[in-house]
N, C-alpha and C. Protein backbone atom coordinates (compact mmCIF):
# COMPACT_ATOMS: atom_id res chain seq x y z
N MET A 1 -23.51 -4.23 -96.71
CA MET A 1 -22.42 -5.10 -96.33
C MET A 1 -21.08 -4.45 -96.65
N ARG A 2 -20.98 -3.83 -97.85
CA ARG A 2 -19.73 -3.16 -98.21
C ARG A 2 -19.43 -2.01 -97.25
N ARG A 3 -20.51 -1.32 -96.89
CA ARG A 3 -20.33 -0.19 -95.98
C ARG A 3 -19.80 -0.68 -94.63
N LEU A 4 -20.32 -1.78 -94.12
CA LEU A 4 -19.86 -2.34 -92.87
C LEU A 4 -18.39 -2.75 -92.98
N ALA A 5 -18.04 -3.41 -94.08
CA ALA A 5 -16.64 -3.83 -94.29
C ALA A 5 -15.73 -2.61 -94.36
N PHE A 6 -16.18 -1.55 -95.07
CA PHE A 6 -15.38 -0.34 -95.17
C PHE A 6 -15.19 0.29 -93.79
N CYS A 7 -16.26 0.38 -93.02
CA CYS A 7 -16.19 0.97 -91.68
C CYS A 7 -15.25 0.16 -90.78
N MET A 8 -15.32 -1.17 -90.89
CA MET A 8 -14.43 -2.02 -90.09
C MET A 8 -12.98 -1.80 -90.51
N LEU A 9 -12.71 -1.72 -91.82
CA LEU A 9 -11.36 -1.49 -92.31
C LEU A 9 -10.85 -0.12 -91.87
N ALA A 10 -11.69 0.89 -91.99
CA ALA A 10 -11.32 2.25 -91.57
C ALA A 10 -11.03 2.28 -90.07
N GLY A 11 -11.84 1.59 -89.29
CA GLY A 11 -11.62 1.53 -87.85
C GLY A 11 -10.31 0.84 -87.51
N TRP A 12 -10.04 -0.25 -88.21
CA TRP A 12 -8.79 -0.97 -87.97
C TRP A 12 -7.59 -0.08 -88.30
N CYS A 13 -7.62 0.62 -89.46
CA CYS A 13 -6.53 1.51 -89.86
C CYS A 13 -6.34 2.61 -88.83
N ALA A 14 -7.42 3.18 -88.34
CA ALA A 14 -7.33 4.24 -87.34
C ALA A 14 -6.72 3.70 -86.05
N ALA A 15 -7.11 2.51 -85.65
CA ALA A 15 -6.57 1.91 -84.42
C ALA A 15 -5.07 1.65 -84.55
N VAL A 16 -4.65 1.14 -85.72
CA VAL A 16 -3.22 0.89 -85.94
C VAL A 16 -2.45 2.21 -85.89
N SER A 17 -2.95 3.23 -86.56
CA SER A 17 -2.29 4.54 -86.56
C SER A 17 -2.25 5.14 -85.17
N LEU A 18 -3.35 5.08 -84.46
CA LEU A 18 -3.42 5.62 -83.12
C LEU A 18 -2.50 4.85 -82.19
N GLY A 19 -2.44 3.54 -82.35
CA GLY A 19 -1.55 2.73 -81.52
C GLY A 19 -0.11 3.14 -81.68
N GLY A 20 0.33 3.37 -82.92
CA GLY A 20 1.71 3.83 -83.16
C GLY A 20 1.95 5.19 -82.55
N ALA A 21 0.98 6.09 -82.68
CA ALA A 21 1.13 7.43 -82.11
C ALA A 21 1.17 7.36 -80.59
N LEU A 22 0.33 6.54 -80.00
CA LEU A 22 0.34 6.41 -78.54
C LEU A 22 1.63 5.81 -78.03
N ARG A 23 2.18 4.81 -78.76
CA ARG A 23 3.47 4.24 -78.36
C ARG A 23 4.54 5.30 -78.37
N ALA A 24 4.58 6.13 -79.41
CA ALA A 24 5.59 7.19 -79.50
C ALA A 24 5.41 8.18 -78.36
N GLN A 25 4.15 8.52 -78.03
CA GLN A 25 3.91 9.46 -76.94
C GLN A 25 4.23 8.83 -75.60
N SER A 26 4.02 7.51 -75.47
CA SER A 26 4.24 6.87 -74.18
C SER A 26 5.71 6.62 -73.89
N GLN A 27 6.57 6.79 -74.88
CA GLN A 27 7.99 6.63 -74.62
C GLN A 27 8.46 7.75 -73.71
N SER A 28 9.20 7.37 -72.70
CA SER A 28 9.75 8.38 -71.80
C SER A 28 10.86 9.15 -72.50
N LYS A 29 11.22 10.27 -71.91
CA LYS A 29 12.32 11.06 -72.46
C LYS A 29 13.60 10.21 -72.49
N ASP A 30 13.82 9.41 -71.45
CA ASP A 30 15.00 8.55 -71.42
C ASP A 30 14.99 7.54 -72.56
N GLU A 31 13.84 6.92 -72.82
CA GLU A 31 13.74 5.97 -73.92
C GLU A 31 14.00 6.65 -75.26
N GLN A 32 13.49 7.85 -75.42
CA GLN A 32 13.73 8.60 -76.66
C GLN A 32 15.21 8.93 -76.82
N GLU A 33 15.87 9.30 -75.72
CA GLU A 33 17.31 9.61 -75.78
C GLU A 33 18.12 8.37 -76.15
N ILE A 34 17.73 7.22 -75.63
CA ILE A 34 18.45 5.98 -75.94
C ILE A 34 18.23 5.59 -77.40
N ARG A 35 17.02 5.76 -77.90
CA ARG A 35 16.76 5.49 -79.33
C ARG A 35 17.60 6.41 -80.21
N ALA A 36 17.73 7.67 -79.80
CA ALA A 36 18.57 8.62 -80.55
C ALA A 36 20.03 8.19 -80.49
N LEU A 37 20.46 7.68 -79.35
CA LEU A 37 21.83 7.17 -79.19
C LEU A 37 22.07 6.01 -80.15
N GLU A 38 21.10 5.10 -80.24
CA GLU A 38 21.23 3.96 -81.15
C GLU A 38 21.25 4.42 -82.61
N ASP A 39 20.48 5.45 -82.94
CA ASP A 39 20.51 6.01 -84.30
C ASP A 39 21.89 6.59 -84.61
N LYS A 40 22.49 7.27 -83.64
CA LYS A 40 23.84 7.83 -83.83
C LYS A 40 24.85 6.71 -84.05
N PHE A 41 24.70 5.63 -83.28
CA PHE A 41 25.59 4.48 -83.44
C PHE A 41 25.47 3.91 -84.85
N ALA A 42 24.23 3.73 -85.32
CA ALA A 42 24.00 3.16 -86.66
C ALA A 42 24.64 4.04 -87.74
N ALA A 43 24.48 5.35 -87.62
CA ALA A 43 25.06 6.26 -88.61
C ALA A 43 26.59 6.22 -88.56
N ALA A 44 27.16 6.18 -87.36
CA ALA A 44 28.62 6.14 -87.22
C ALA A 44 29.17 4.82 -87.73
N PHE A 45 28.48 3.71 -87.46
CA PHE A 45 28.92 2.41 -87.94
C PHE A 45 28.89 2.38 -89.46
N SER A 46 27.81 2.86 -90.04
CA SER A 46 27.69 2.90 -91.51
C SER A 46 28.79 3.74 -92.13
N ALA A 47 29.22 4.78 -91.42
CA ALA A 47 30.28 5.67 -91.92
C ALA A 47 31.67 5.14 -91.60
N LYS A 48 31.74 4.00 -90.91
CA LYS A 48 33.02 3.41 -90.48
C LYS A 48 33.84 4.41 -89.67
N ASP A 49 33.17 5.13 -88.77
CA ASP A 49 33.79 6.18 -87.96
C ASP A 49 33.93 5.69 -86.52
N ALA A 50 35.10 5.11 -86.20
CA ALA A 50 35.32 4.53 -84.88
C ALA A 50 35.20 5.58 -83.77
N GLU A 51 35.67 6.79 -84.02
CA GLU A 51 35.56 7.86 -83.01
C GLU A 51 34.11 8.13 -82.66
N ALA A 52 33.26 8.25 -83.68
CA ALA A 52 31.85 8.53 -83.45
C ALA A 52 31.14 7.32 -82.83
N VAL A 53 31.51 6.11 -83.24
CA VAL A 53 30.93 4.90 -82.65
C VAL A 53 31.18 4.89 -81.15
N MET A 54 32.39 5.20 -80.76
CA MET A 54 32.77 5.09 -79.35
C MET A 54 32.12 6.14 -78.47
N LYS A 55 31.49 7.14 -79.05
CA LYS A 55 30.81 8.16 -78.25
C LYS A 55 29.56 7.62 -77.57
N VAL A 56 29.09 6.44 -77.96
CA VAL A 56 27.91 5.86 -77.31
C VAL A 56 28.29 4.95 -76.15
N TYR A 57 29.58 4.70 -75.95
CA TYR A 57 30.05 3.79 -74.90
C TYR A 57 30.65 4.57 -73.73
N ALA A 58 30.51 4.00 -72.53
CA ALA A 58 31.08 4.60 -71.33
C ALA A 58 32.60 4.55 -71.40
N PRO A 59 33.25 5.66 -71.09
CA PRO A 59 34.71 5.67 -71.10
C PRO A 59 35.27 4.88 -69.91
N GLY A 60 36.53 4.50 -70.02
CA GLY A 60 37.20 3.83 -68.91
C GLY A 60 37.08 2.33 -68.93
N SER A 61 37.37 1.74 -67.78
CA SER A 61 37.47 0.28 -67.69
C SER A 61 36.15 -0.39 -67.32
N ASP A 62 35.07 0.37 -67.09
CA ASP A 62 33.79 -0.23 -66.72
C ASP A 62 33.08 -0.90 -67.89
N LEU A 63 33.43 -0.54 -69.11
CA LEU A 63 32.78 -1.10 -70.29
C LEU A 63 33.19 -2.57 -70.48
N VAL A 64 32.19 -3.44 -70.66
CA VAL A 64 32.43 -4.85 -70.96
C VAL A 64 31.56 -5.21 -72.15
N VAL A 65 32.18 -5.83 -73.18
CA VAL A 65 31.46 -6.20 -74.39
C VAL A 65 31.76 -7.66 -74.72
N PHE A 66 30.68 -8.43 -74.94
CA PHE A 66 30.79 -9.79 -75.48
C PHE A 66 30.34 -9.69 -76.93
N ASP A 67 31.27 -9.85 -77.86
CA ASP A 67 30.99 -9.69 -79.28
C ASP A 67 30.95 -11.05 -79.96
N VAL A 68 30.55 -11.09 -81.23
CA VAL A 68 30.49 -12.36 -81.96
C VAL A 68 31.86 -12.78 -82.47
N ILE A 69 32.82 -11.87 -82.46
CA ILE A 69 34.16 -12.20 -82.93
C ILE A 69 35.12 -12.25 -81.74
N PRO A 70 36.21 -13.03 -81.84
CA PRO A 70 37.18 -13.09 -80.75
C PRO A 70 37.81 -11.71 -80.52
N PRO A 71 38.23 -11.45 -79.31
CA PRO A 71 38.37 -12.36 -78.17
C PRO A 71 37.05 -12.59 -77.45
N ARG A 72 37.11 -13.36 -76.39
CA ARG A 72 35.91 -13.70 -75.62
C ARG A 72 35.18 -12.46 -75.13
N GLN A 73 35.95 -11.45 -74.73
CA GLN A 73 35.34 -10.21 -74.24
C GLN A 73 36.31 -9.05 -74.42
N TYR A 74 35.75 -7.88 -74.49
CA TYR A 74 36.53 -6.64 -74.49
C TYR A 74 36.25 -5.96 -73.16
N VAL A 75 37.29 -5.62 -72.45
CA VAL A 75 37.13 -4.91 -71.19
C VAL A 75 37.76 -3.54 -71.34
N GLY A 76 36.92 -2.53 -71.23
CA GLY A 76 37.40 -1.16 -71.30
C GLY A 76 37.19 -0.52 -72.66
N TRP A 77 37.02 0.77 -72.60
CA TRP A 77 36.75 1.60 -73.77
C TRP A 77 37.90 1.51 -74.79
N ASP A 78 39.14 1.59 -74.32
CA ASP A 78 40.30 1.57 -75.23
C ASP A 78 40.37 0.27 -76.03
N ALA A 79 40.13 -0.85 -75.37
CA ALA A 79 40.19 -2.15 -76.06
C ALA A 79 39.13 -2.24 -77.15
N TYR A 80 37.93 -1.76 -76.85
CA TYR A 80 36.86 -1.86 -77.84
C TYR A 80 37.07 -0.88 -78.99
N LYS A 81 37.63 0.27 -78.70
CA LYS A 81 37.91 1.23 -79.77
C LYS A 81 38.93 0.64 -80.75
N LYS A 82 39.97 0.00 -80.23
CA LYS A 82 40.97 -0.63 -81.10
C LYS A 82 40.32 -1.67 -82.00
N ASP A 83 39.36 -2.42 -81.46
CA ASP A 83 38.66 -3.42 -82.26
C ASP A 83 37.90 -2.76 -83.40
N PHE A 84 37.17 -1.68 -83.12
CA PHE A 84 36.44 -0.99 -84.19
C PHE A 84 37.39 -0.44 -85.24
N GLU A 85 38.51 0.13 -84.81
CA GLU A 85 39.47 0.69 -85.78
C GLU A 85 40.00 -0.40 -86.70
N SER A 86 40.38 -1.54 -86.14
CA SER A 86 40.93 -2.62 -86.98
C SER A 86 39.83 -3.25 -87.84
N THR A 87 38.62 -3.38 -87.30
CA THR A 87 37.51 -3.95 -88.06
C THR A 87 37.18 -3.07 -89.26
N PHE A 88 37.03 -1.78 -89.03
CA PHE A 88 36.69 -0.87 -90.13
C PHE A 88 37.80 -0.81 -91.18
N ALA A 89 39.05 -0.95 -90.75
CA ALA A 89 40.18 -0.94 -91.71
C ALA A 89 40.10 -2.13 -92.67
N GLY A 90 39.47 -3.23 -92.24
CA GLY A 90 39.36 -4.42 -93.08
C GLY A 90 38.17 -4.41 -94.02
N PHE A 91 37.34 -3.37 -93.95
CA PHE A 91 36.16 -3.27 -94.81
C PHE A 91 36.46 -2.39 -95.99
N LYS A 92 36.04 -2.83 -97.16
CA LYS A 92 36.24 -2.08 -98.40
C LYS A 92 34.91 -1.47 -98.82
N GLY A 93 34.93 -0.23 -99.24
CA GLY A 93 33.72 0.39 -99.75
C GLY A 93 32.71 0.72 -98.67
N PRO A 94 31.49 1.03 -99.10
CA PRO A 94 30.45 1.43 -98.14
C PRO A 94 29.92 0.25 -97.33
N MET A 95 29.29 0.59 -96.21
CA MET A 95 28.66 -0.40 -95.35
C MET A 95 27.18 -0.08 -95.25
N ARG A 96 26.42 -1.10 -94.96
CA ARG A 96 24.99 -0.91 -94.67
C ARG A 96 24.73 -1.48 -93.28
N PHE A 97 24.13 -0.67 -92.42
CA PHE A 97 23.87 -1.09 -91.05
C PHE A 97 22.46 -0.68 -90.67
N ASP A 98 21.66 -1.63 -90.19
CA ASP A 98 20.28 -1.35 -89.81
C ASP A 98 19.97 -1.96 -88.45
N ILE A 99 19.15 -1.26 -87.68
CA ILE A 99 18.66 -1.77 -86.40
C ILE A 99 17.17 -2.01 -86.53
N HIS A 100 16.72 -3.21 -86.13
CA HIS A 100 15.31 -3.58 -86.20
C HIS A 100 14.83 -4.03 -84.82
N ASP A 101 13.54 -3.90 -84.61
CA ASP A 101 12.89 -4.42 -83.41
C ASP A 101 13.55 -3.93 -82.12
N LEU A 102 13.94 -2.66 -82.09
CA LEU A 102 14.57 -2.09 -80.90
C LEU A 102 13.54 -1.92 -79.80
N SER A 103 13.80 -2.52 -78.68
CA SER A 103 12.95 -2.39 -77.49
C SER A 103 13.80 -1.78 -76.38
N VAL A 104 13.32 -0.70 -75.77
CA VAL A 104 14.08 0.02 -74.75
C VAL A 104 13.27 0.10 -73.47
N THR A 105 13.92 -0.18 -72.35
CA THR A 105 13.33 -0.01 -71.03
C THR A 105 14.29 0.81 -70.19
N ALA A 106 13.80 1.92 -69.63
CA ALA A 106 14.63 2.80 -68.81
C ALA A 106 13.98 3.00 -67.45
N GLU A 107 14.79 2.96 -66.41
CA GLU A 107 14.31 3.13 -65.05
C GLU A 107 15.42 3.79 -64.24
N GLY A 108 15.20 5.02 -63.86
CA GLY A 108 16.21 5.72 -63.07
C GLY A 108 17.46 5.99 -63.89
N LYS A 109 18.60 5.54 -63.38
CA LYS A 109 19.87 5.77 -64.06
C LYS A 109 20.38 4.55 -64.82
N LEU A 110 19.52 3.51 -64.91
CA LEU A 110 19.87 2.30 -65.66
C LEU A 110 18.80 2.02 -66.70
N ALA A 111 19.23 1.43 -67.80
CA ALA A 111 18.31 1.06 -68.87
C ALA A 111 18.89 -0.12 -69.63
N TYR A 112 18.04 -0.78 -70.39
CA TYR A 112 18.52 -1.85 -71.27
C TYR A 112 17.70 -1.85 -72.55
N SER A 113 18.29 -2.44 -73.56
CA SER A 113 17.58 -2.59 -74.84
C SER A 113 17.96 -3.92 -75.46
N HIS A 114 17.13 -4.36 -76.38
CA HIS A 114 17.50 -5.49 -77.22
C HIS A 114 16.99 -5.20 -78.62
N SER A 115 17.73 -5.71 -79.60
CA SER A 115 17.38 -5.45 -80.99
C SER A 115 17.99 -6.51 -81.88
N ILE A 116 17.55 -6.46 -83.13
CA ILE A 116 18.14 -7.27 -84.19
C ILE A 116 18.90 -6.29 -85.08
N GLN A 117 20.16 -6.58 -85.37
CA GLN A 117 20.98 -5.65 -86.16
C GLN A 117 21.55 -6.39 -87.37
N HIS A 118 21.47 -5.73 -88.51
CA HIS A 118 21.95 -6.31 -89.76
C HIS A 118 23.04 -5.42 -90.33
N VAL A 119 24.12 -6.03 -90.77
CA VAL A 119 25.23 -5.28 -91.37
C VAL A 119 25.69 -6.00 -92.64
N ALA A 120 26.04 -5.22 -93.64
CA ALA A 120 26.56 -5.76 -94.90
C ALA A 120 27.77 -4.94 -95.30
N TRP A 121 28.82 -5.62 -95.77
CA TRP A 121 30.05 -4.94 -96.16
C TRP A 121 30.79 -5.78 -97.18
N ILE A 122 31.88 -5.24 -97.64
CA ILE A 122 32.76 -5.97 -98.56
C ILE A 122 34.12 -6.06 -97.89
N ASN A 123 34.62 -7.28 -97.73
CA ASN A 123 35.95 -7.48 -97.14
C ASN A 123 37.02 -6.89 -98.05
N ALA A 124 38.22 -6.73 -97.51
CA ALA A 124 39.34 -6.17 -98.27
C ALA A 124 39.63 -6.99 -99.53
N ASP A 125 39.33 -8.30 -99.50
CA ASP A 125 39.58 -9.15 -100.67
C ASP A 125 38.45 -9.09 -101.70
N GLY A 126 37.42 -8.26 -101.43
CA GLY A 126 36.31 -8.10 -102.37
C GLY A 126 35.11 -9.00 -102.11
N THR A 127 35.19 -9.85 -101.09
CA THR A 127 34.10 -10.76 -100.76
C THR A 127 32.97 -10.02 -100.04
N PRO A 128 31.74 -10.09 -100.56
CA PRO A 128 30.63 -9.46 -99.84
C PRO A 128 30.23 -10.32 -98.63
N VAL A 129 29.91 -9.65 -97.53
CA VAL A 129 29.54 -10.33 -96.30
C VAL A 129 28.29 -9.67 -95.73
N GLU A 130 27.37 -10.48 -95.23
CA GLU A 130 26.19 -9.97 -94.52
C GLU A 130 26.06 -10.75 -93.22
N MET A 131 25.64 -10.05 -92.18
CA MET A 131 25.48 -10.70 -90.90
C MET A 131 24.31 -10.05 -90.16
N THR A 132 23.49 -10.87 -89.54
CA THR A 132 22.42 -10.38 -88.69
C THR A 132 22.66 -10.94 -87.30
N VAL A 133 22.61 -10.07 -86.29
CA VAL A 133 22.93 -10.46 -84.92
C VAL A 133 21.85 -9.99 -83.96
N ARG A 134 21.86 -10.60 -82.78
CA ARG A 134 21.02 -10.15 -81.67
C ARG A 134 21.90 -9.30 -80.76
N VAL A 135 21.39 -8.18 -80.30
CA VAL A 135 22.19 -7.29 -79.44
C VAL A 135 21.37 -6.91 -78.21
N THR A 136 22.00 -7.05 -77.06
CA THR A 136 21.44 -6.55 -75.81
C THR A 136 22.43 -5.54 -75.25
N ASP A 137 21.93 -4.34 -74.95
CA ASP A 137 22.77 -3.29 -74.38
C ASP A 137 22.25 -2.91 -73.01
N VAL A 138 23.17 -2.60 -72.11
CA VAL A 138 22.84 -2.03 -70.81
C VAL A 138 23.44 -0.63 -70.78
N TYR A 139 22.62 0.34 -70.37
CA TYR A 139 23.03 1.74 -70.36
C TYR A 139 23.05 2.26 -68.92
N ARG A 140 23.92 3.23 -68.68
CA ARG A 140 23.93 3.95 -67.42
C ARG A 140 23.91 5.43 -67.76
N LYS A 141 23.16 6.18 -66.99
CA LYS A 141 23.14 7.63 -67.19
C LYS A 141 24.33 8.20 -66.41
N ILE A 142 25.29 8.72 -67.16
CA ILE A 142 26.52 9.25 -66.59
C ILE A 142 26.60 10.74 -66.93
N ASP A 143 26.66 11.57 -65.91
CA ASP A 143 26.68 13.02 -66.10
C ASP A 143 25.54 13.49 -67.00
N GLY A 144 24.36 12.91 -66.79
CA GLY A 144 23.16 13.31 -67.54
C GLY A 144 23.05 12.75 -68.94
N LYS A 145 23.94 11.83 -69.31
CA LYS A 145 23.98 11.30 -70.67
C LYS A 145 23.95 9.77 -70.63
N TRP A 146 23.08 9.15 -71.45
CA TRP A 146 23.01 7.70 -71.52
C TRP A 146 24.20 7.17 -72.30
N LEU A 147 24.89 6.16 -71.74
CA LEU A 147 26.02 5.52 -72.41
C LEU A 147 25.93 4.01 -72.19
N ILE A 148 26.41 3.25 -73.15
CA ILE A 148 26.42 1.79 -73.03
C ILE A 148 27.56 1.39 -72.10
N VAL A 149 27.23 0.56 -71.08
CA VAL A 149 28.24 0.06 -70.16
C VAL A 149 28.47 -1.44 -70.35
N HIS A 150 27.50 -2.12 -70.97
CA HIS A 150 27.65 -3.54 -71.26
C HIS A 150 26.90 -3.85 -72.55
N GLU A 151 27.54 -4.66 -73.40
CA GLU A 151 26.91 -5.05 -74.66
C GLU A 151 27.16 -6.53 -74.88
N HIS A 152 26.11 -7.21 -75.37
CA HIS A 152 26.23 -8.63 -75.68
C HIS A 152 25.67 -8.83 -77.08
N VAL A 153 26.53 -9.32 -77.99
CA VAL A 153 26.16 -9.55 -79.38
C VAL A 153 26.25 -11.06 -79.62
N SER A 154 25.21 -11.63 -80.27
CA SER A 154 25.22 -13.08 -80.48
C SER A 154 24.47 -13.47 -81.74
N VAL A 155 24.68 -14.71 -82.15
CA VAL A 155 23.91 -15.34 -83.22
C VAL A 155 23.46 -16.70 -82.70
N PRO A 156 22.34 -17.23 -83.21
CA PRO A 156 21.92 -18.57 -82.80
C PRO A 156 22.95 -19.61 -83.26
N VAL A 157 23.01 -20.72 -82.54
CA VAL A 157 23.94 -21.80 -82.87
C VAL A 157 23.13 -23.07 -83.10
N ASP A 158 23.48 -23.78 -84.17
CA ASP A 158 22.88 -25.08 -84.46
C ASP A 158 23.53 -26.09 -83.51
N THR A 159 22.78 -26.62 -82.58
CA THR A 159 23.36 -27.52 -81.58
C THR A 159 23.80 -28.86 -82.17
N SER A 160 23.34 -29.20 -83.37
CA SER A 160 23.75 -30.48 -83.97
C SER A 160 25.18 -30.43 -84.49
N ASN A 161 25.66 -29.22 -84.85
CA ASN A 161 27.03 -29.13 -85.37
C ASN A 161 27.86 -28.03 -84.70
N GLY A 162 27.24 -27.27 -83.80
CA GLY A 162 27.99 -26.23 -83.08
C GLY A 162 28.32 -25.01 -83.91
N LYS A 163 27.71 -24.87 -85.09
CA LYS A 163 28.03 -23.75 -85.97
C LYS A 163 26.96 -22.66 -85.89
N PRO A 164 27.40 -21.39 -86.05
CA PRO A 164 26.42 -20.30 -86.02
C PRO A 164 25.47 -20.37 -87.21
N VAL A 165 24.27 -19.85 -87.00
CA VAL A 165 23.25 -19.84 -88.04
C VAL A 165 22.77 -18.39 -88.19
N PRO A 166 23.59 -17.53 -88.80
CA PRO A 166 23.21 -16.12 -88.89
C PRO A 166 22.00 -15.84 -89.77
N ASP A 167 21.72 -16.71 -90.76
CA ASP A 167 20.57 -16.46 -91.63
C ASP A 167 19.25 -16.74 -90.90
N MET A 168 19.29 -17.44 -89.78
CA MET A 168 18.09 -17.69 -89.00
C MET A 168 17.53 -16.39 -88.43
N MET A 169 18.36 -15.37 -88.32
CA MET A 169 17.95 -14.14 -87.68
C MET A 169 16.95 -13.36 -88.50
N SER A 170 16.80 -13.68 -89.76
CA SER A 170 15.84 -12.95 -90.57
C SER A 170 14.41 -13.41 -90.31
N LYS A 171 14.28 -14.48 -89.54
CA LYS A 171 12.95 -15.02 -89.21
C LYS A 171 12.72 -14.85 -87.71
N PRO A 172 11.50 -14.51 -87.31
CA PRO A 172 11.22 -14.37 -85.85
C PRO A 172 11.28 -15.71 -85.14
């Protein structure tokens, strides 16, 4: 009986490991490039480097972003860069930024992803802040390079009081 249980456990472990390896192999080159782009974004955000952050976004006026903070939308690369510069200026000390549950789909010259993103920082007044958001990105391959052309960042809202519920994001 122990031998059967051991064999079943070993088989399950092998299947889980093989499944992860097959998923990695089944990712297209485009999906891998987009995941690398998201990793660059996470590193640049953690470093509070607005120049590096903006390298993942399409230049010009085609970029549209719906963020969790006002204004309602950012239209264009310049507007969003200014937002990152002012946002990072208001953060004191190091930041922590993580991307979870990233799912990428790429087809031709268009792709999209969705993920859960967590950020923690200290405001200029010393107050620690943590936020977890849902992010959907749309990418376009421009001159052979994937860039974000549309981004939507949100948190769930409690419909009984109209207030955001950012701590709900830690649960599926």
